[in-house]
Amino acid sequence: TGCAYKGQAEYFSVEVAGKRFQDIAWYYTYPAAEAARIAGMLCFFNEKVDALYVDGLELPKPQTQWS
């Protein structure tokens, strides 16, 4: 998908124990110049993972269109 602010996103899908998780994370290989520092970083849908921790604290799971 494309973002006017960050550029063209690419997605990762994974298979765990025979179950496929489609487009669970995304990244920008070549982001727009204004967002250059996000190059190579992974972004996860909080809604699609069992738990997400930032600085040792578990983030609440939001309810969105991707839940």
N, C-alpha and C. Protein backbone atom coordinates (compact mmCIF):
# COMPACT_ATOMS: atom_id res chain seq x y z
N THR A 1 0.84 -1.18 0.00
CA THR A 1 0.00 0.00 0.00
C THR A 1 0.88 1.24 0.00
N GLY A 2 0.31 2.34 -0.36
CA GLY A 2 1.07 3.58 -0.39
C GLY A 2 0.55 4.58 0.62
N CYS A 3 1.45 5.37 1.14
CA CYS A 3 1.12 6.43 2.10
C CYS A 3 1.72 7.73 1.57
N ALA A 4 0.93 8.77 1.54
CA ALA A 4 1.41 10.05 1.03
C ALA A 4 2.55 10.62 1.86
N TYR A 5 2.65 10.22 3.12
CA TYR A 5 3.67 10.76 4.02
C TYR A 5 4.91 9.88 4.13
N LYS A 6 4.73 8.56 3.99
CA LYS A 6 5.84 7.64 4.21
C LYS A 6 6.32 6.92 2.97
N GLY A 7 5.49 6.76 1.95
CA GLY A 7 5.89 6.07 0.74
C GLY A 7 5.19 4.73 0.58
N GLN A 8 5.83 3.82 -0.13
CA GLN A 8 5.25 2.51 -0.44
C GLN A 8 5.61 1.49 0.64
N ALA A 9 4.58 0.88 1.23
CA ALA A 9 4.80 -0.13 2.29
C ALA A 9 4.87 -1.53 1.68
N GLU A 10 5.63 -2.38 2.34
CA GLU A 10 5.69 -3.81 2.00
C GLU A 10 5.29 -4.57 3.27
N TYR A 11 4.81 -5.81 3.10
CA TYR A 11 4.23 -6.55 4.22
C TYR A 11 4.91 -7.89 4.43
N PHE A 12 4.89 -8.34 5.69
CA PHE A 12 5.36 -9.68 6.06
C PHE A 12 4.17 -10.51 6.50
N SER A 13 4.17 -11.75 6.07
CA SER A 13 3.23 -12.75 6.57
C SER A 13 4.08 -13.87 7.16
N VAL A 14 3.56 -14.54 8.18
CA VAL A 14 4.31 -15.63 8.81
C VAL A 14 3.40 -16.83 9.01
N GLU A 15 4.03 -18.00 9.13
CA GLU A 15 3.31 -19.21 9.45
C GLU A 15 3.87 -19.77 10.75
N VAL A 16 2.99 -20.02 11.70
CA VAL A 16 3.38 -20.54 13.01
C VAL A 16 2.49 -21.73 13.32
N ALA A 17 3.12 -22.87 13.56
CA ALA A 17 2.39 -24.09 13.90
C ALA A 17 1.28 -24.39 12.89
N GLY A 18 1.59 -24.18 11.62
CA GLY A 18 0.63 -24.49 10.56
C GLY A 18 -0.44 -23.44 10.32
N LYS A 19 -0.41 -22.35 11.06
CA LYS A 19 -1.40 -21.29 10.88
C LYS A 19 -0.72 -20.08 10.26
N ARG A 20 -1.30 -19.56 9.17
CA ARG A 20 -0.72 -18.42 8.46
C ARG A 20 -1.33 -17.12 8.98
N PHE A 21 -0.45 -16.16 9.27
CA PHE A 21 -0.85 -14.83 9.70
C PHE A 21 -0.48 -13.87 8.58
N GLN A 22 -1.48 -13.48 7.82
CA GLN A 22 -1.29 -12.66 6.62
C GLN A 22 -1.06 -11.20 6.99
N ASP A 23 -0.03 -10.60 6.39
CA ASP A 23 0.25 -9.17 6.53
C ASP A 23 0.25 -8.71 7.99
N ILE A 24 0.97 -9.43 8.83
CA ILE A 24 0.99 -9.12 10.27
C ILE A 24 1.90 -7.93 10.59
N ALA A 25 2.83 -7.64 9.71
CA ALA A 25 3.75 -6.52 9.93
C ALA A 25 4.04 -5.84 8.60
N TRP A 26 4.40 -4.57 8.65
CA TRP A 26 4.77 -3.87 7.43
C TRP A 26 6.01 -3.03 7.67
N TYR A 27 6.61 -2.61 6.56
CA TYR A 27 7.84 -1.82 6.64
C TYR A 27 7.98 -0.99 5.36
N TYR A 28 8.88 -0.04 5.41
CA TYR A 28 9.18 0.82 4.28
C TYR A 28 10.66 0.68 3.96
N THR A 29 10.97 0.02 2.86
CA THR A 29 12.37 -0.13 2.45
C THR A 29 12.95 1.20 2.02
N TYR A 30 12.18 1.95 1.25
CA TYR A 30 12.62 3.25 0.74
C TYR A 30 11.54 4.29 1.05
N PRO A 31 11.46 4.74 2.30
CA PRO A 31 10.42 5.71 2.65
C PRO A 31 10.70 7.07 2.02
N ALA A 32 9.69 7.91 2.04
CA ALA A 32 9.85 9.29 1.57
C ALA A 32 10.94 9.97 2.39
N ALA A 33 11.58 10.97 1.81
CA ALA A 33 12.70 11.65 2.46
C ALA A 33 12.34 12.15 3.86
N GLU A 34 11.11 12.64 4.03
CA GLU A 34 10.69 13.18 5.32
C GLU A 34 10.57 12.10 6.40
N ALA A 35 10.48 10.84 5.99
CA ALA A 35 10.33 9.74 6.93
C ALA A 35 11.52 8.77 6.86
N ALA A 36 12.65 9.24 6.40
CA ALA A 36 13.82 8.38 6.17
C ALA A 36 14.23 7.55 7.38
N ARG A 37 14.02 8.04 8.59
CA ARG A 37 14.48 7.30 9.77
C ARG A 37 13.67 6.04 10.05
N ILE A 38 12.55 5.82 9.37
CA ILE A 38 11.78 4.59 9.58
C ILE A 38 12.20 3.47 8.63
N ALA A 39 13.15 3.74 7.75
CA ALA A 39 13.61 2.73 6.79
C ALA A 39 14.06 1.47 7.52
N GLY A 40 13.53 0.32 7.11
CA GLY A 40 13.95 -0.95 7.67
C GLY A 40 13.32 -1.32 9.00
N MET A 41 12.52 -0.45 9.60
CA MET A 41 11.85 -0.77 10.86
C MET A 41 10.56 -1.54 10.56
N LEU A 42 10.18 -2.43 11.47
CA LEU A 42 8.94 -3.18 11.32
C LEU A 42 7.84 -2.54 12.14
N CYS A 43 6.65 -2.54 11.59
CA CYS A 43 5.46 -2.06 12.29
C CYS A 43 4.50 -3.22 12.41
N PHE A 44 3.92 -3.39 13.58
CA PHE A 44 2.99 -4.50 13.82
C PHE A 44 1.59 -3.97 14.08
N PHE A 45 0.61 -4.71 13.60
CA PHE A 45 -0.77 -4.42 13.95
C PHE A 45 -0.99 -4.92 15.37
N ASN A 46 -1.19 -4.04 16.32
CA ASN A 46 -1.45 -4.46 17.71
C ASN A 46 -2.62 -5.43 17.75
N GLU A 47 -3.57 -5.23 16.84
CA GLU A 47 -4.79 -6.03 16.82
C GLU A 47 -4.55 -7.47 16.39
N LYS A 48 -3.43 -7.74 15.74
CA LYS A 48 -3.18 -9.06 15.17
C LYS A 48 -2.17 -9.90 15.95
N VAL A 49 -1.62 -9.37 17.02
CA VAL A 49 -0.64 -10.13 17.81
C VAL A 49 -1.23 -10.46 19.18
N ASP A 50 -0.69 -11.49 19.82
CA ASP A 50 -1.18 -11.88 21.15
C ASP A 50 -0.88 -10.81 22.19
N ALA A 51 0.30 -10.23 22.12
CA ALA A 51 0.69 -9.19 23.08
C ALA A 51 1.78 -8.34 22.45
N LEU A 52 1.78 -7.06 22.77
CA LEU A 52 2.80 -6.15 22.25
C LEU A 52 3.34 -5.34 23.43
N TYR A 53 4.66 -5.39 23.60
CA TYR A 53 5.31 -4.71 24.72
C TYR A 53 6.20 -3.58 24.21
N VAL A 54 6.16 -2.45 24.88
CA VAL A 54 7.04 -1.33 24.59
C VAL A 54 7.69 -0.93 25.91
N ASP A 55 9.01 -0.95 25.93
CA ASP A 55 9.77 -0.63 27.15
C ASP A 55 9.31 -1.48 28.33
N GLY A 56 9.00 -2.75 28.07
CA GLY A 56 8.63 -3.68 29.12
C GLY A 56 7.17 -3.62 29.57
N LEU A 57 6.39 -2.71 29.00
CA LEU A 57 4.99 -2.58 29.37
C LEU A 57 4.10 -3.09 28.25
N GLU A 58 3.11 -3.92 28.61
CA GLU A 58 2.19 -4.44 27.60
C GLU A 58 1.19 -3.35 27.20
N LEU A 59 1.06 -3.15 25.90
CA LEU A 59 0.10 -2.18 25.39
C LEU A 59 -1.27 -2.81 25.29
N PRO A 60 -2.33 -2.04 25.54
CA PRO A 60 -3.67 -2.59 25.39
C PRO A 60 -3.96 -2.87 23.91
N LYS A 61 -4.77 -3.88 23.66
CA LYS A 61 -5.11 -4.25 22.29
C LYS A 61 -6.32 -3.42 21.84
N PRO A 62 -6.15 -2.54 20.84
CA PRO A 62 -7.26 -1.72 20.39
C PRO A 62 -8.26 -2.53 19.56
N GLN A 63 -9.48 -2.04 19.49
CA GLN A 63 -10.50 -2.62 18.63
C GLN A 63 -10.64 -1.70 17.42
N THR A 64 -10.23 -2.21 16.27
CA THR A 64 -10.28 -1.42 15.03
C THR A 64 -10.80 -2.30 13.90
N GLN A 65 -10.77 -1.77 12.70
CA GLN A 65 -11.22 -2.52 11.53
C GLN A 65 -10.35 -3.73 11.26
N TRP A 66 -9.14 -3.82 11.85
CA TRP A 66 -8.25 -4.95 11.63
C TRP A 66 -8.34 -6.00 12.74
N SER A 67 -9.16 -5.76 13.75
CA SER A 67 -9.30 -6.69 14.87
C SER A 67 -9.90 -8.01 14.43
